[in-house]
Amino acid sequence: MCTTTFGTLTLAALLSDPLTRAMMRSDGVSERDFAALLFRVKDSLADREGPADPMPNPEWELAEV
């Protein structure tokens, strides 16, 4: 990724990035297929997330000194 600004990563930015375009061209991947892959990855990562505020594990608590 050629971007230098963190937090501005969008599908449009990825699809216009020169390194991404070169990879897509070399692998014969269309914009539509690449976008579909990114959405599948996003959905998979969202499915892996645990609860927003997980209950703390008592074993993780630091013992008082």
Protein backbone atom coordinates (compact mmCIF):
# COMPACT_ATOMS: atom_id res chain seq x y z
CA MET A 1 0.00 0.00 0.00
CA CYS A 2 1.42 3.36 -0.96
CA THR A 3 -0.74 5.42 1.36
CA THR A 4 0.99 7.49 3.99
CA THR A 5 -2.10 8.61 5.87
CA PHE A 6 -3.27 6.14 8.48
CA GLY A 7 -7.02 5.80 8.89
CA THR A 8 -8.03 6.80 5.36
CA LEU A 9 -8.05 3.32 3.92
CA THR A 10 -11.14 2.79 1.80
CA LEU A 11 -12.05 0.39 -0.97
CA ALA A 12 -11.65 3.22 -3.48
CA ALA A 13 -8.20 4.04 -2.09
CA LEU A 14 -7.13 0.39 -2.27
CA LEU A 15 -8.39 0.04 -5.83
CA SER A 16 -6.50 3.15 -6.92
CA ASP A 17 -3.26 2.28 -5.11
CA PRO A 18 -0.42 1.60 -7.58
CA LEU A 19 0.92 -1.40 -5.65
CA THR A 20 -2.54 -2.93 -5.34
CA ARG A 21 -3.18 -2.32 -9.04
CA ALA A 22 0.14 -3.97 -9.95
CA MET A 23 -0.68 -7.01 -7.81
CA MET A 24 -4.16 -7.28 -9.29
CA ARG A 25 -2.77 -6.96 -12.82
CA SER A 26 -0.05 -9.58 -12.23
CA ASP A 27 -2.55 -12.02 -10.72
CA GLY A 28 -5.31 -11.30 -13.23
CA VAL A 29 -7.73 -10.16 -10.51
CA SER A 30 -10.59 -7.83 -11.46
CA GLU A 31 -11.71 -4.90 -9.31
CA ARG A 32 -14.98 -6.71 -8.67
CA ASP A 33 -13.23 -9.88 -7.48
CA PHE A 34 -10.79 -7.94 -5.31
CA ALA A 35 -13.64 -5.96 -3.71
CA ALA A 36 -15.56 -9.19 -3.05
CA LEU A 37 -12.48 -10.69 -1.39
CA LEU A 38 -12.03 -7.66 0.84
CA PHE A 39 -15.68 -7.79 1.93
CA ARG A 40 -15.34 -11.52 2.73
CA VAL A 41 -12.23 -10.77 4.81
CA LYS A 42 -14.04 -7.94 6.61
CA ASP A 43 -16.99 -10.20 7.40
CA SER A 44 -14.70 -13.01 8.59
CA LEU A 45 -12.83 -10.66 10.91
CA ALA A 46 -16.10 -9.29 12.28
CA ASP A 47 -17.29 -12.86 12.96
CA ARG A 48 -14.10 -13.59 14.93
CA GLU A 49 -14.50 -10.62 17.25
CA GLY A 50 -15.51 -11.45 20.77
CA PRO A 51 -17.92 -9.45 22.87
CA ALA A 52 -17.26 -5.70 23.00
CA ASP A 53 -16.59 -5.78 26.76
CA PRO A 54 -15.44 -9.29 27.65
CA MET A 55 -15.57 -10.36 31.27
CA PRO A 56 -12.08 -10.18 32.76
CA ASN A 57 -10.44 -13.48 33.45
CA PRO A 58 -9.50 -13.70 37.17
CA GLU A 59 -6.20 -15.35 36.18
CA TRP A 60 -5.23 -12.17 34.33
CA GLU A 61 -5.64 -9.96 37.39
CA LEU A 62 -2.38 -8.85 38.95
CA ALA A 63 -1.79 -9.94 42.51
CA GLU A 64 -1.48 -7.10 44.95
CA VAL A 65 2.01 -6.58 46.29
